[in-house]
Amino acid sequence: MRKKSPHPPWAVRHRKPGTELKRISGRYYLYGAASEYDKITKKTKKKSLGILGSITEKDGFIPSPKAVLRESKSKPLAVEQVYAYEYGFSSWLKQRLEQSGIEAALQRHFP
């Protein structure tokens, strides 16, 4: 037989598998949770994985800034978003090659 949850239905509605609902100072928070086997005691222990967000009756689930940052950090960076601009050294080198006459010699050998 299942135990009745001590939390209100509006808070329990946001709980999903792999999460834990906690009431701290009258506010409800959703944490990630996992179980881990302890070889010494031969029992499983609950392990909290960090805060996911808070839950209010009015607004529902509000993601934690820490959880949002952690999630964005774990996503790979798209290559299309990375830009590298290098003008200073290339411009300086081209000017030096033109002034010394080496550029003309290089263009003769490497058309």
PDB file of N, CA and C in Angstrom:
ATOM      1  N   MET A   1       0.832  -1.167   0.000  1.00  0.00           N
ATOM      2  CA  MET A   1       0.000   0.000   0.000  1.00  0.00           C
ATOM      3  C   MET A   1       0.891   1.250   0.000  1.00  0.00           C
ATOM      4  N   ARG A   2       0.546   2.208  -0.838  1.00  0.00           N
ATOM      5  CA  ARG A   2       1.324   3.443  -0.928  1.00  0.00           C
ATOM      6  C   ARG A   2       0.985   4.372   0.214  1.00  0.00           C
ATOM      7  N   LYS A   3       2.015   5.053   0.685  1.00  0.00           N
ATOM      8  CA  LYS A   3       1.809   6.058   1.727  1.00  0.00           C
ATOM      9  C   LYS A   3       1.268   7.328   1.091  1.00  0.00           C
ATOM     10  N   LYS A   4       0.438   8.012   1.836  1.00  0.00           N
ATOM     11  CA  LYS A   4      -0.072   9.295   1.366  1.00  0.00           C
ATOM     12  C   LYS A   4       1.048  10.325   1.499  1.00  0.00           C
ATOM     13  N   SER A   5       1.240  11.114   0.462  1.00  0.00           N
ATOM     14  CA  SER A   5       2.300  12.116   0.461  1.00  0.00           C
ATOM     15  C   SER A   5       1.975  13.241   1.443  1.00  0.00           C
ATOM     16  N   PRO A   6       2.954  13.684   2.220  1.00  0.00           N
ATOM     17  CA  PRO A   6       2.709  14.803   3.134  1.00  0.00           C
ATOM     18  C   PRO A   6       2.679  16.149   2.411  1.00  0.00           C
ATOM     19  N   HIS A   7       3.008  16.142   1.120  1.00  0.00           N
ATOM     20  CA  HIS A   7       3.060  17.382   0.344  1.00  0.00           C
ATOM     21  C   HIS A   7       1.717  17.626  -0.348  1.00  0.00           C
ATOM     22  N   PRO A   8       1.373  18.891  -0.615  1.00  0.00           N
ATOM     23  CA  PRO A   8       0.107  19.196  -1.288  1.00  0.00           C
ATOM     24  C   PRO A   8       0.128  18.720  -2.743  1.00  0.00           C
ATOM     25  N   PRO A   9      -1.054  18.433  -3.304  1.00  0.00           N
ATOM     26  CA  PRO A   9      -1.131  17.923  -4.685  1.00  0.00           C
ATOM     27  C   PRO A   9      -0.512  18.862  -5.720  1.00  0.00           C
ATOM     28  N   TRP A  10      -0.628  20.190  -5.524  1.00  0.00           N
ATOM     29  CA  TRP A  10      -0.057  21.127  -6.498  1.00  0.00           C
ATOM     30  C   TRP A  10       1.464  21.045  -6.546  1.00  0.00           C
ATOM     31  N   ALA A  11       2.096  20.609  -5.460  1.00  0.00           N
ATOM     32  CA  ALA A  11       3.554  20.457  -5.446  1.00  0.00           C
ATOM     33  C   ALA A  11       3.950  19.083  -5.976  1.00  0.00           C
ATOM     34  N   VAL A  12       3.177  18.056  -5.622  1.00  0.00           N
ATOM     35  CA  VAL A  12       3.481  16.681  -6.053  1.00  0.00           C
ATOM     36  C   VAL A  12       3.339  16.549  -7.567  1.00  0.00           C
ATOM     37  N   ARG A  13       2.482  17.356  -8.172  1.00  0.00           N
ATOM     38  CA  ARG A  13       2.250  17.304  -9.614  1.00  0.00           C
ATOM     39  C   ARG A  13       3.547  17.519 -10.414  1.00  0.00           C
ATOM     40  N   HIS A  14       4.494  18.270  -9.880  1.00  0.00           N
ATOM     41  CA  HIS A  14       5.738  18.589 -10.593  1.00  0.00           C
ATOM     42  C   HIS A  14       6.842  17.562 -10.356  1.00  0.00           C
ATOM     43  N   ARG A  15       6.609  16.619  -9.439  1.00  0.00           N
ATOM     44  CA  ARG A  15       7.617  15.601  -9.139  1.00  0.00           C
ATOM     45  C   ARG A  15       7.618  14.543 -10.238  1.00  0.00           C
ATOM     46  N   LYS A  16       8.807  14.222 -10.742  1.00  0.00           N
ATOM     47  CA  LYS A  16       8.988  13.214 -11.788  1.00  0.00           C
ATOM     48  C   LYS A  16       9.944  12.150 -11.269  1.00  0.00           C
ATOM     49  N   PRO A  17      10.027  11.001 -11.934  1.00  0.00           N
ATOM     50  CA  PRO A  17      10.999   9.984 -11.495  1.00  0.00           C
ATOM     51  C   PRO A  17      12.419  10.546 -11.523  1.00  0.00           C
ATOM     52  N   GLY A  18      13.197  10.207 -10.515  1.00  0.00           N
ATOM     53  CA  GLY A  18      14.563  10.707 -10.424  1.00  0.00           C
ATOM     54  C   GLY A  18      14.658  12.060  -9.754  1.00  0.00           C
ATOM     55  N   THR A  19      13.540  12.504  -9.157  1.00  0.00           N
ATOM     56  CA  THR A  19      13.542  13.776  -8.440  1.00  0.00           C
ATOM     57  C   THR A  19      12.992  13.573  -7.031  1.00  0.00           C
ATOM     58  N   GLU A  20      13.233  14.545  -6.178  1.00  0.00           N
ATOM     59  CA  GLU A  20      12.791  14.489  -4.791  1.00  0.00           C
ATOM     60  C   GLU A  20      12.215  15.848  -4.419  1.00  0.00           C
ATOM     61  N   LEU A  21      11.080  15.830  -3.764  1.00  0.00           N
ATOM     62  CA  LEU A  21      10.415  17.049  -3.334  1.00  0.00           C
ATOM     63  C   LEU A  21      10.767  17.311  -1.875  1.00  0.00           C
ATOM     64  N   LYS A  22      11.262  18.524  -1.584  1.00  0.00           N
ATOM     65  CA  LYS A  22      11.636  18.876  -0.211  1.00  0.00           C
ATOM     66  C   LYS A  22      10.904  20.146   0.204  1.00  0.00           C
ATOM     67  N   ARG A  23      10.515  20.176   1.484  1.00  0.00           N
ATOM     68  CA  ARG A  23       9.914  21.381   2.049  1.00  0.00           C
ATOM     69  C   ARG A  23      10.921  21.977   3.021  1.00  0.00           C
ATOM     70  N   ILE A  24      11.397  23.180   2.708  1.00  0.00           N
ATOM     71  CA  ILE A  24      12.387  23.863   3.537  1.00  0.00           C
ATOM     72  C   ILE A  24      11.835  25.246   3.876  1.00  0.00           C
ATOM     73  N   SER A  25      11.673  25.506   5.153  1.00  0.00           N
ATOM     74  CA  SER A  25      11.146  26.790   5.657  1.00  0.00           C
ATOM     75  C   SER A  25       9.825  27.173   4.998  1.00  0.00           C
ATOM     76  N   GLY A  26       8.950  26.201   4.810  1.00  0.00           N
ATOM     77  CA  GLY A  26       7.631  26.473   4.257  1.00  0.00           C
ATOM     78  C   GLY A  26       7.576  26.583   2.748  1.00  0.00           C
ATOM     79  N   ARG A  27       8.708  26.461   2.068  1.00  0.00           N
ATOM     80  CA  ARG A  27       8.746  26.529   0.600  1.00  0.00           C
ATOM     81  C   ARG A  27       9.089  25.155   0.049  1.00  0.00           C
ATOM     82  N   TYR A  28       8.629  24.866  -1.154  1.00  0.00           N
ATOM     83  CA  TYR A  28       8.859  23.561  -1.768  1.00  0.00           C
ATOM     84  C   TYR A  28       9.925  23.677  -2.851  1.00  0.00           C
ATOM     85  N   TYR A  29      10.850  22.722  -2.834  1.00  0.00           N
ATOM     86  CA  TYR A  29      11.953  22.690  -3.791  1.00  0.00           C
ATOM     87  C   TYR A  29      12.030  21.315  -4.426  1.00  0.00           C
ATOM     88  N   LEU A  30      12.454  21.269  -5.673  1.00  0.00           N
ATOM     89  CA  LEU A  30      12.621  20.013  -6.390  1.00  0.00           C
ATOM     90  C   LEU A  30      14.111  19.763  -6.579  1.00  0.00           C
ATOM     91  N   TYR A  31      14.567  18.607  -6.135  1.00  0.00           N
ATOM     92  CA  TYR A  31      15.969  18.217  -6.222  1.00  0.00           C
ATOM     93  C   TYR A  31      16.099  16.970  -7.079  1.00  0.00           C
ATOM     94  N   GLY A  32      17.224  16.822  -7.754  1.00  0.00           N
ATOM     95  CA  GLY A  32      17.539  15.585  -8.444  1.00  0.00           C
ATOM     96  C   GLY A  32      17.942  14.551  -7.406  1.00  0.00           C
ATOM     97  N   ALA A  33      17.610  13.280  -7.638  1.00  0.00           N
ATOM     98  CA  ALA A  33      17.933  12.246  -6.657  1.00  0.00           C
ATOM     99  C   ALA A  33      18.342  10.965  -7.372  1.00  0.00           C
ATOM    100  N   ALA A  34      19.223  10.223  -6.724  1.00  0.00           N
ATOM    101  CA  ALA A  34      19.657   8.924  -7.237  1.00  0.00           C
ATOM    102  C   ALA A  34      19.978   8.042  -6.046  1.00  0.00           C
ATOM    103  N   SER A  35      20.018   6.741  -6.281  1.00  0.00           N
ATOM    104  CA  SER A  35      20.392   5.844  -5.189  1.00  0.00           C
ATOM    105  C   SER A  35      21.750   5.235  -5.502  1.00  0.00           C
ATOM    106  N   GLU A  36      22.479   4.941  -4.448  1.00  0.00           N
ATOM    107  CA  GLU A  36      23.844   4.447  -4.574  1.00  0.00           C
ATOM    108  C   GLU A  36      24.015   3.296  -3.587  1.00  0.00           C
ATOM    109  N   TYR A  37      24.597   2.190  -4.037  1.00  0.00           N
ATOM    110  CA  TYR A  37      24.770   1.016  -3.182  1.00  0.00           C
ATOM    111  C   TYR A  37      26.027   1.161  -2.330  1.00  0.00           C
ATOM    112  N   ASP A  38      25.877   0.950  -1.026  1.00  0.00           N
ATOM    113  CA  ASP A  38      26.992   1.002  -0.084  1.00  0.00           C
ATOM    114  C   ASP A  38      27.440  -0.431   0.187  1.00  0.00           C
ATOM    115  N   LYS A  39      28.661  -0.774  -0.223  1.00  0.00           N
ATOM    116  CA  LYS A  39      29.167  -2.140  -0.073  1.00  0.00           C
ATOM    117  C   LYS A  39      29.384  -2.522   1.384  1.00  0.00           C
ATOM    118  N   ILE A  40      29.672  -1.559   2.226  1.00  0.00           N
ATOM    119  CA  ILE A  40      29.949  -1.844   3.637  1.00  0.00           C
ATOM    120  C   ILE A  40      28.665  -2.227   4.378  1.00  0.00           C
ATOM    121  N   THR A  41      27.634  -1.385   4.259  1.00  0.00           N
ATOM    122  CA  THR A  41      26.379  -1.663   4.963  1.00  0.00           C
ATOM    123  C   THR A  41      25.456  -2.572   4.164  1.00  0.00           C
ATOM    124  N   LYS A  42      25.793  -2.814   2.898  1.00  0.00           N
ATOM    125  CA  LYS A  42      25.003  -3.636   1.978  1.00  0.00           C
ATOM    126  C   LYS A  42      23.569  -3.120   1.827  1.00  0.00           C
ATOM    127  N   LYS A  43      23.448  -1.810   1.778  1.00  0.00           N
ATOM    128  CA  LYS A  43      22.160  -1.156   1.581  1.00  0.00           C
ATOM    129  C   LYS A  43      22.329  -0.017   0.582  1.00  0.00           C
ATOM    130  N   THR A  44      21.218   0.412   0.026  1.00  0.00           N
ATOM    131  CA  THR A  44      21.273   1.570  -0.867  1.00  0.00           C
ATOM    132  C   THR A  44      21.088   2.843  -0.053  1.00  0.00           C
ATOM    133  N   LYS A  45      21.741   3.895  -0.519  1.00  0.00           N
ATOM    134  CA  LYS A  45      21.616   5.204   0.118  1.00  0.00           C
ATOM    135  C   LYS A  45      21.137   6.199  -0.924  1.00  0.00           C
ATOM    136  N   LYS A  46      20.291   7.098  -0.475  1.00  0.00           N
ATOM    137  CA  LYS A  46      19.792   8.137  -1.362  1.00  0.00           C
ATOM    138  C   LYS A  46      20.859   9.218  -1.499  1.00  0.00           C
ATOM    139  N   LYS A  47      21.062   9.683  -2.724  1.00  0.00           N
ATOM    140  CA  LYS A  47      22.038  10.732  -2.974  1.00  0.00           C
ATOM    141  C   LYS A  47      21.331  11.886  -3.683  1.00  0.00           C
ATOM    142  N   SER A  48      21.454  13.085  -3.128  1.00  0.00           N
ATOM    143  CA  SER A  48      20.854  14.264  -3.729  1.00  0.00           C
ATOM    144  C   SER A  48      21.799  14.810  -4.795  1.00  0.00           C
ATOM    145  N   LEU A  49      21.255  15.153  -5.956  1.00  0.00           N
ATOM    146  CA  LEU A  49      22.072  15.604  -7.090  1.00  0.00           C
ATOM    147  C   LEU A  49      22.033  17.113  -7.302  1.00  0.00           C
ATOM    148  N   GLY A  50      21.427  17.839  -6.393  1.00  0.00           N
ATOM    149  CA  GLY A  50      21.394  19.297  -6.529  1.00  0.00           C
ATOM    150  C   GLY A  50      20.009  19.804  -6.849  1.00  0.00           C
ATOM    151  N   ILE A  51      19.836  21.086  -6.634  1.00  0.00           N
ATOM    152  CA  ILE A  51      18.524  21.715  -6.806  1.00  0.00           C
ATOM    153  C   ILE A  51      18.183  21.871  -8.285  1.00  0.00           C
ATOM    154  N   LEU A  52      16.920  21.610  -8.608  1.00  0.00           N
ATOM    155  CA  LEU A  52      16.425  21.808  -9.965  1.00  0.00           C
ATOM    156  C   LEU A  52      15.577  23.075 -10.052  1.00  0.00           C
ATOM    157  N   GLY A  53      14.902  23.408  -8.941  1.00  0.00           N
ATOM    158  CA  GLY A  53      14.090  24.611  -8.930  1.00  0.00           C
ATOM    159  C   GLY A  53      13.154  24.633  -7.745  1.00  0.00           C
ATOM    160  N   SER A  54      12.332  25.665  -7.680  1.00  0.00           N
ATOM    161  CA  SER A  54      11.354  25.782  -6.600  1.00  0.00           C
ATOM    162  C   SER A  54       9.954  25.628  -7.186  1.00  0.00           C
ATOM    163  N   ILE A  55       9.004  25.323  -6.302  1.00  0.00           N
ATOM    164  CA  ILE A  55       7.621  25.121  -6.727  1.00  0.00           C
ATOM    165  C   ILE A  55       6.731  26.013  -5.871  1.00  0.00           C
ATOM    166  N   THR A  56       5.901  26.803  -6.541  1.00  0.00           N
ATOM    167  CA  THR A  56       4.916  27.619  -5.833  1.00  0.00           C
ATOM    168  C   THR A  56       3.539  27.264  -6.368  1.00  0.00           C
ATOM    169  N   GLU A  57       2.538  27.496  -5.556  1.00  0.00           N
ATOM    170  CA  GLU A  57       1.170  27.169  -5.974  1.00  0.00           C
ATOM    171  C   GLU A  57       0.736  28.069  -7.130  1.00  0.00           C
ATOM    172  N   LYS A  58       1.146  29.324  -7.082  1.00  0.00           N
ATOM    173  CA  LYS A  58       0.736  30.300  -8.093  1.00  0.00           C
ATOM    174  C   LYS A  58       1.480  30.107  -9.420  1.00  0.00           C
ATOM    175  N   ASP A  59       2.825  30.018  -9.362  1.00  0.00           N
ATOM    176  CA  ASP A  59       3.639  29.982 -10.583  1.00  0.00           C
ATOM    177  C   ASP A  59       4.023  28.581 -11.034  1.00  0.00           C
ATOM    178  N   GLY A  60       3.858  27.583 -10.189  1.00  0.00           N
ATOM    179  CA  GLY A  60       4.261  26.228 -10.543  1.00  0.00           C
ATOM    180  C   GLY A  60       5.765  26.062 -10.396  1.00  0.00           C
ATOM    181  N   PHE A  61       6.381  25.310 -11.302  1.00  0.00           N
ATOM    182  CA  PHE A  61       7.818  25.035 -11.228  1.00  0.00           C
ATOM    183  C   PHE A  61       8.612  26.217 -11.775  1.00  0.00           C
ATOM    184  N   ILE A  62       9.578  26.692 -10.987  1.00  0.00           N
ATOM    185  CA  ILE A  62      10.461  27.795 -11.388  1.00  0.00           C
ATOM    186  C   ILE A  62      11.883  27.248 -11.392  1.00  0.00           C
ATOM    187  N   PRO A  63      12.515  27.112 -12.573  1.00  0.00           N
ATOM    188  CA  PRO A  63      13.873  26.549 -12.624  1.00  0.00           C
ATOM    189  C   PRO A  63      14.870  27.404 -11.849  1.00  0.00           C
ATOM    190  N   SER A  64      15.778  26.735 -11.179  1.00  0.00           N
ATOM    191  CA  SER A  64      16.832  27.410 -10.427  1.00  0.00           C
ATOM    192  C   SER A  64      17.881  27.942 -11.396  1.00  0.00           C
ATOM    193  N   PRO A  65      18.425  29.140 -11.168  1.00  0.00           N
ATOM    194  CA  PRO A  65      19.499  29.643 -12.037  1.00  0.00           C
ATOM    195  C   PRO A  65      20.705  28.701 -12.068  1.00  0.00           C
ATOM    196  N   LYS A  66      20.986  28.052 -10.949  1.00  0.00           N
ATOM    197  CA  LYS A  66      22.100  27.098 -10.905  1.00  0.00           C
ATOM    198  C   LYS A  66      21.835  25.914 -11.822  1.00  0.00           C
ATOM    199  N   ALA A  67      20.602  25.413 -11.817  1.00  0.00           N
ATOM    200  CA  ALA A  67      20.258  24.266 -12.656  1.00  0.00           C
ATOM    201  C   ALA A  67      20.310  24.644 -14.137  1.00  0.00           C
ATOM    202  N   VAL A  68      19.855  25.848 -14.460  1.00  0.00           N
ATOM    203  CA  VAL A  68      19.889  26.319 -15.852  1.00  0.00           C
ATOM    204  C   VAL A  68      21.332  26.432 -16.326  1.00  0.00           C
ATOM    205  N   LEU A  69      22.199  26.979 -15.485  1.00  0.00           N
ATOM    206  CA  LEU A  69      23.612  27.118 -15.822  1.00  0.00           C
ATOM    207  C   LEU A  69      24.274  25.756 -15.977  1.00  0.00           C
ATOM    208  N   ARG A  70      23.973  24.838 -15.070  1.00  0.00           N
ATOM    209  CA  ARG A  70      24.544  23.494 -15.121  1.00  0.00           C
ATOM    210  C   ARG A  70      24.113  22.767 -16.398  1.00  0.00           C
ATOM    211  N   GLU A  71      22.847  22.960 -16.791  1.00  0.00           N
ATOM    212  CA  GLU A  71      22.332  22.312 -17.990  1.00  0.00           C
ATOM    213  C   GLU A  71      22.966  22.895 -19.249  1.00  0.00           C
ATOM    214  N   SER A  72      23.119  24.216 -19.309  1.00  0.00           N
ATOM    215  CA  SER A  72      23.715  24.838 -20.493  1.00  0.00           C
ATOM    216  C   SER A  72      25.197  24.498 -20.606  1.00  0.00           C
ATOM    217  N   LYS A  73      25.853  24.290 -19.475  1.00  0.00           N
ATOM    218  CA  LYS A  73      27.272  23.940 -19.477  1.00  0.00           C
ATOM    219  C   LYS A  73      27.496  22.538 -20.035  1.00  0.00           C
ATOM    220  N   SER A  74      26.535  21.650 -19.814  1.00  0.00           N
ATOM    221  CA  SER A  74      26.702  20.270 -20.255  1.00  0.00           C
ATOM    222  C   SER A  74      26.416  20.098 -21.748  1.00  0.00           C
ATOM    223  N   LYS A  75      25.750  21.066 -22.363  1.00  0.00           N
ATOM    224  CA  LYS A  75      25.458  20.973 -23.793  1.00  0.00           C
ATOM    225  C   LYS A  75      26.700  21.338 -24.600  1.00  0.00           C
ATOM    226  N   PRO A  76      26.955  20.633 -25.716  1.00  0.00           N
ATOM    227  CA  PRO A  76      28.118  20.982 -26.537  1.00  0.00           C
ATOM    228  C   PRO A  76      27.894  22.309 -27.258  1.00  0.00           C
ATOM    229  N   LEU A  77      28.966  23.018 -27.479  1.00  0.00           N
ATOM    230  CA  LEU A  77      28.907  24.300 -28.162  1.00  0.00           C
ATOM    231  C   LEU A  77      28.852  24.056 -29.664  1.00  0.00           C
ATOM    232  N   ALA A  78      27.912  24.688 -30.340  1.00  0.00           N
ATOM    233  CA  ALA A  78      27.773  24.535 -31.784  1.00  0.00           C
ATOM    234  C   ALA A  78      28.935  25.231 -32.480  1.00  0.00           C
ATOM    235  N   VAL A  79      29.513  24.565 -33.472  1.00  0.00           N
ATOM    236  CA  VAL A  79      30.671  25.103 -34.185  1.00  0.00           C
ATOM    237  C   VAL A  79      30.290  26.365 -34.953  1.00  0.00           C
ATOM    238  N   GLU A  80      29.046  26.460 -35.392  1.00  0.00           N
ATOM    239  CA  GLU A  80      28.615  27.629 -36.157  1.00  0.00           C
ATOM    240  C   GLU A  80      28.646  28.898 -35.310  1.00  0.00           C
ATOM    241  N   GLN A  81      28.615  28.759 -33.993  1.00  0.00           N
ATOM    242  CA  GLN A  81      28.579  29.925 -33.123  1.00  0.00           C
ATOM    243  C   GLN A  81      29.965  30.458 -32.792  1.00  0.00           C
ATOM    244  N   VAL A  82      31.021  29.760 -33.167  1.00  0.00           N
ATOM    245  CA  VAL A  82      32.377  30.165 -32.814  1.00  0.00           C
ATOM    246  C   VAL A  82      32.980  30.940 -33.986  1.00  0.00           C
ATOM    247  N   TYR A  83      33.427  32.139 -33.708  1.00  0.00           N
ATOM    248  CA  TYR A  83      34.055  32.970 -34.724  1.00  0.00           C
ATOM    249  C   TYR A  83      35.435  33.378 -34.233  1.00  0.00           C
ATOM    250  N   ALA A  84      36.391  33.396 -35.146  1.00  0.00           N
ATOM    251  CA  ALA A  84      37.730  33.863 -34.795  1.00  0.00           C
ATOM    252  C   ALA A  84      38.142  34.888 -35.848  1.00  0.00           C
ATOM    253  N   TYR A  85      38.455  36.069 -35.408  1.00  0.00           N
ATOM    254  CA  TYR A  85      38.884  37.122 -36.307  1.00  0.00           C
ATOM    255  C   TYR A  85      40.344  37.426 -36.021  1.00  0.00           C
ATOM    256  N   GLU A  86      41.168  37.331 -37.069  1.00  0.00           N
ATOM    257  CA  GLU A  86      42.578  37.652 -36.910  1.00  0.00           C
ATOM    258  C   GLU A  86      42.954  38.573 -38.058  1.00  0.00           C
ATOM    259  N   TYR A  87      43.238  39.793 -37.745  1.00  0.00           N
ATOM    260  CA  TYR A  87      43.584  40.742 -38.783  1.00  0.00           C
ATOM    261  C   TYR A  87      44.935  41.374 -38.517  1.00  0.00           C
ATOM    262  N   GLY A  88      45.244  41.641 -37.281  1.00  0.00           N
ATOM    263  CA  GLY A  88      46.441  42.401 -36.926  1.00  0.00           C
ATOM    264  C   GLY A  88      47.729  41.791 -37.436  1.00  0.00           C
ATOM    265  N   PHE A  89      48.013  40.543 -37.086  1.00  0.00           N
ATOM    266  CA  PHE A  89      49.269  39.918 -37.478  1.00  0.00           C
ATOM    267  C   PHE A  89      49.318  39.689 -38.981  1.00  0.00           C
ATOM    268  N   SER A  90      48.206  39.253 -39.572  1.00  0.00           N
ATOM    269  CA  SER A  90      48.176  38.997 -41.018  1.00  0.00           C
ATOM    270  C   SER A  90      48.454  40.274 -41.801  1.00  0.00           C
ATOM    271  N   SER A  91      47.850  41.375 -41.365  1.00  0.00           N
ATOM    272  CA  SER A  91      48.065  42.652 -42.031  1.00  0.00           C
ATOM    273  C   SER A  91      49.522  43.095 -41.895  1.00  0.00           C
ATOM    274  N   TRP A  92      50.085  42.968 -40.704  1.00  0.00           N
ATOM    275  CA  TRP A  92      51.475  43.356 -40.460  1.00  0.00           C
ATOM    276  C   TRP A  92      52.423  42.530 -41.335  1.00  0.00           C
ATOM    277  N   LEU A  93      52.193  41.218 -41.419  1.00  0.00           N
ATOM    278  CA  LEU A  93      53.047  40.335 -42.214  1.00  0.00           C
ATOM    279  C   LEU A  93      52.952  40.685 -43.700  1.00  0.00           C
ATOM    280  N   LYS A  94      51.742  40.937 -44.196  1.00  0.00           N
ATOM    281  CA  LYS A  94      51.563  41.288 -45.608  1.00  0.00           C
ATOM    282  C   LYS A  94      52.292  42.592 -45.937  1.00  0.00           C
ATOM    283  N   GLN A  95      52.199  43.589 -45.058  1.00  0.00           N
ATOM    284  CA  GLN A  95      52.907  44.854 -45.278  1.00  0.00           C
ATOM    285  C   GLN A  95      54.419  44.647 -45.309  1.00  0.00           C
ATOM    286  N   ARG A  96      54.958  43.869 -44.411  1.00  0.00           N
ATOM    287  CA  ARG A  96      56.407  43.617 -44.360  1.00  0.00           C
ATOM    288  C   ARG A  96      56.883  42.879 -45.612  1.00  0.00           C
ATOM    289  N   LEU A  97      56.067  41.917 -46.070  1.00  0.00           N
ATOM    290  CA  LEU A  97      56.449  41.178 -47.279  1.00  0.00           C
ATOM    291  C   LEU A  97      56.423  42.086 -48.505  1.00  0.00           C
ATOM    292  N   GLU A  98      55.450  42.989 -48.588  1.00  0.00           N
ATOM    293  CA  GLU A  98      55.380  43.928 -49.710  1.00  0.00           C
ATOM    294  C   GLU A  98      56.557  44.897 -49.686  1.00  0.00           C
ATOM    295  N   GLN A  99      56.895  45.424 -48.503  1.00  0.00           N
ATOM    296  CA  GLN A  99      57.983  46.393 -48.376  1.00  0.00           C
ATOM    297  C   GLN A  99      59.333  45.775 -48.712  1.00  0.00           C
ATOM    298  N   SER A 100      59.542  44.550 -48.340  1.00  0.00           N
ATOM    299  CA  SER A 100      60.849  43.922 -48.564  1.00  0.00           C
ATOM    300  C   SER A 100      60.972  43.306 -49.952  1.00  0.00           C
ATOM    301  N   GLY A 101      59.876  43.208 -50.701  1.00  0.00           N
ATOM    302  CA  GLY A 101      59.929  42.631 -52.038  1.00  0.00           C
ATOM    303  C   GLY A 101      59.823  41.115 -52.038  1.00  0.00           C
ATOM    304  N   ILE A 102      59.679  40.525 -50.897  1.00  0.00           N
ATOM    305  CA  ILE A 102      59.586  39.063 -50.823  1.00  0.00           C
ATOM    306  C   ILE A 102      58.260  38.581 -51.393  1.00  0.00           C
ATOM    307  N   GLU A 103      57.207  39.381 -51.282  1.00  0.00           N
ATOM    308  CA  GLU A 103      55.897  38.966 -51.770  1.00  0.00           C
ATOM    309  C   GLU A 103      55.932  38.698 -53.269  1.00  0.00           C
ATOM    310  N   ALA A 104      56.602  39.567 -54.040  1.00  0.00           N
ATOM    311  CA  ALA A 104      56.693  39.375 -55.491  1.00  0.00           C
ATOM    312  C   ALA A 104      57.428  38.082 -55.817  1.00  0.00           C
ATOM    313  N   ALA A 105      58.505  37.796 -55.072  1.00  0.00           N
ATOM    314  CA  ALA A 105      59.260  36.559 -55.303  1.00  0.00           C
ATOM    315  C   ALA A 105      58.412  35.336 -54.958  1.00  0.00           C
ATOM    316  N   LEU A 106      57.656  35.428 -53.894  1.00  0.00           N
ATOM    317  CA  LEU A 106      56.797  34.305 -53.505  1.00  0.00           C
ATOM    318  C   LEU A 106      55.700  34.068 -54.536  1.00  0.00           C
ATOM    319  N   GLN A 107      55.152  35.154 -55.106  1.00  0.00           N
ATOM    320  CA  GLN A 107      54.098  35.003 -56.107  1.00  0.00           C
ATOM    321  C   GLN A 107      54.638  34.402 -57.403  1.00  0.00           C
ATOM    322  N   ARG A 108      55.915  34.656 -57.691  1.00  0.00           N
ATOM    323  CA  ARG A 108      56.524  34.047 -58.877  1.00  0.00           C
ATOM    324  C   ARG A 108      56.649  32.538 -58.696  1.00  0.00           C
ATOM    325  N   HIS A 109      57.075  32.116 -57.505  1.00  0.00           N
ATOM    326  CA  HIS A 109      57.292  30.690 -57.253  1.00  0.00           C
ATOM    327  C   HIS A 109      56.008  29.945 -56.880  1.00  0.00           C
ATOM    328  N   PHE A 110      55.059  30.662 -56.274  1.00  0.00           N
ATOM    329  CA  PHE A 110      53.789  30.048 -55.869  1.00  0.00           C
ATOM    330  C   PHE A 110      52.631  30.873 -56.426  1.00  0.00           C
ATOM    331  N   PRO A 111      52.305  30.664 -57.720  1.00  0.00           N
ATOM    332  CA  PRO A 111      51.260  31.495 -58.346  1.00  0.00           C
ATOM    333  C   PRO A 111      49.908  31.265 -57.797  1.00  0.00           C
TER     334      PRO A 111
END
